[in-house]
Protein backbone atom coordinates (compact mmCIF):
# COMPACT_ATOMS: atom_id res chain seq x y z
CA UNK A 1 -13.37 -5.36 -4.64
CA UNK A 2 -16.37 -7.26 -6.30
CA UNK A 3 -17.00 -4.25 -7.63
CA UNK A 4 -14.20 -4.08 -10.07
CA UNK A 5 -14.57 -7.56 -11.00
CA UNK A 6 -18.70 -6.78 -12.16
CA UNK A 7 -16.47 -4.13 -14.23
CA UNK A 8 -14.54 -6.66 -15.45
CA UNK A 9 -11.19 -5.36 -14.40
CA UNK A 10 -8.71 -7.23 -12.78
CA UNK A 11 -6.87 -6.17 -9.48
CA UNK A 12 -3.79 -7.21 -7.73
CA UNK A 13 -4.74 -7.74 -3.94
CA UNK A 14 -2.63 -4.80 -2.98
CA UNK A 15 -3.67 -2.66 -5.25
CA UNK A 16 -7.31 -3.44 -4.45
CA UNK A 17 -5.45 -3.31 -0.51
CA UNK A 18 -4.81 0.48 -1.50
CA UNK A 19 -7.84 1.60 -3.26
CA UNK A 20 -9.61 0.06 0.35
CA UNK A 21 -7.30 2.41 1.63
CA UNK A 22 -7.24 5.42 0.02
CA UNK A 23 -11.06 5.34 -1.20
CA UNK A 24 -12.26 3.78 2.69
CA UNK A 25 -16.33 3.69 2.52
CA UNK A 26 -16.96 6.32 -0.74
CA UNK A 27 -19.46 4.25 -2.69
CA UNK A 28 -19.13 6.80 -4.98
CA UNK A 29 -15.55 7.40 -5.35
CA UNK A 30 -15.18 3.90 -5.35
CA UNK A 31 -17.36 4.04 -7.96
CA UNK A 32 -15.58 7.09 -10.02
CA UNK A 33 -11.84 5.71 -10.01
CA UNK A 34 -13.13 2.00 -10.97
CA UNK A 35 -14.14 3.89 -13.47
CA UNK A 36 -10.56 5.63 -14.44
CA UNK A 37 -8.77 2.60 -14.24
CA UNK A 38 -10.82 0.77 -16.66
CA UNK A 39 -11.23 2.99 -19.42
CA UNK A 40 -6.52 3.23 -18.43
CA UNK A 41 -5.41 -0.07 -18.29
CA UNK A 42 -5.72 -3.09 -21.10
CA UNK A 43 -8.62 -5.64 -21.47
CA UNK A 44 -6.85 -8.49 -19.58
CA UNK A 45 -4.59 -6.14 -17.82
CA UNK A 46 -3.77 -6.83 -13.91
CA UNK A 47 -4.01 -4.03 -11.97
CA UNK A 48 -0.55 -3.61 -8.81
CA UNK A 49 -0.16 -0.51 -6.93
CA UNK A 50 1.81 1.05 -8.98
CA UNK A 51 0.00 1.03 -11.69
CA UNK A 52 -3.09 2.80 -9.48
CA UNK A 53 -0.60 5.58 -8.34
CA UNK A 54 -0.99 8.21 -11.51
CA UNK A 55 -4.41 6.54 -12.56
CA UNK A 56 -5.90 7.57 -8.63
CA UNK A 57 -3.79 10.17 -7.78
CA UNK A 58 -2.49 8.27 -4.91
CA UNK A 59 0.92 9.92 -4.47
CA UNK A 60 3.80 6.93 -3.27
CA UNK A 61 5.13 8.81 -0.09
CA UNK A 62 1.51 8.81 1.42
CA UNK A 63 -0.46 5.83 0.90
CA UNK A 64 0.01 2.96 3.44
CA UNK A 65 2.20 0.30 1.62
CA UNK A 66 5.45 3.66 1.82
CA UNK A 67 4.27 3.72 5.28
CA UNK A 68 4.59 -0.06 6.36
CA UNK A 69 8.21 -0.28 4.46
CA UNK A 70 9.02 2.98 6.14
CA UNK A 71 7.57 1.69 9.70
CA UNK A 72 9.94 -1.55 9.46
CA UNK A 73 13.28 0.08 8.64
CA UNK A 74 12.32 2.77 11.78
CA UNK A 75 11.64 -0.80 13.61
CA UNK A 76 14.77 -1.93 12.83
CA UNK A 77 17.74 0.56 12.97
CA UNK A 78 16.06 1.55 16.53
CA UNK A 79 16.43 -2.41 17.66
CA UNK A 80 19.88 -2.56 16.05
CA UNK A 81 21.25 0.26 17.61
CA UNK A 82 19.69 -1.80 20.88
CA UNK A 83 21.54 -5.02 20.31
CA UNK A 84 24.92 -2.57 19.27
CA UNK A 85 23.99 -1.04 22.67
CA UNK A 86 23.65 -4.62 24.21
CA UNK A 87 27.08 -6.24 22.72
CA UNK A 88 29.23 -3.28 23.69
CA UNK A 89 27.97 -2.37 26.88
CA UNK A 90 27.39 -6.09 27.51
CA UNK A 91 24.33 -5.36 29.50
CA UNK A 92 20.63 -7.14 28.79
CA UNK A 93 18.59 -5.79 26.52
CA UNK A 94 15.13 -4.07 29.26
CA UNK A 95 11.69 -4.00 27.54
């Protein structure tokens, strides 16, 4: 996010990604939210994704990182169940 750098805001990669996912190509929204961020953080602070949640109103349960964690946990549970079933029934896993 070059605009953040121009405004003197340091963003961690996950924060920049979260902003991009949340705001998309809305240039007005990006400018407005970068101004909010600049007013809300210390001048030399590097902003994390967790810092953004209360500033611009991104709710944790709806952000892309939480969705990825949820998907990974659901996928691992499915694979675990498949593996256990395969071991108990002594049959190979069929994809």
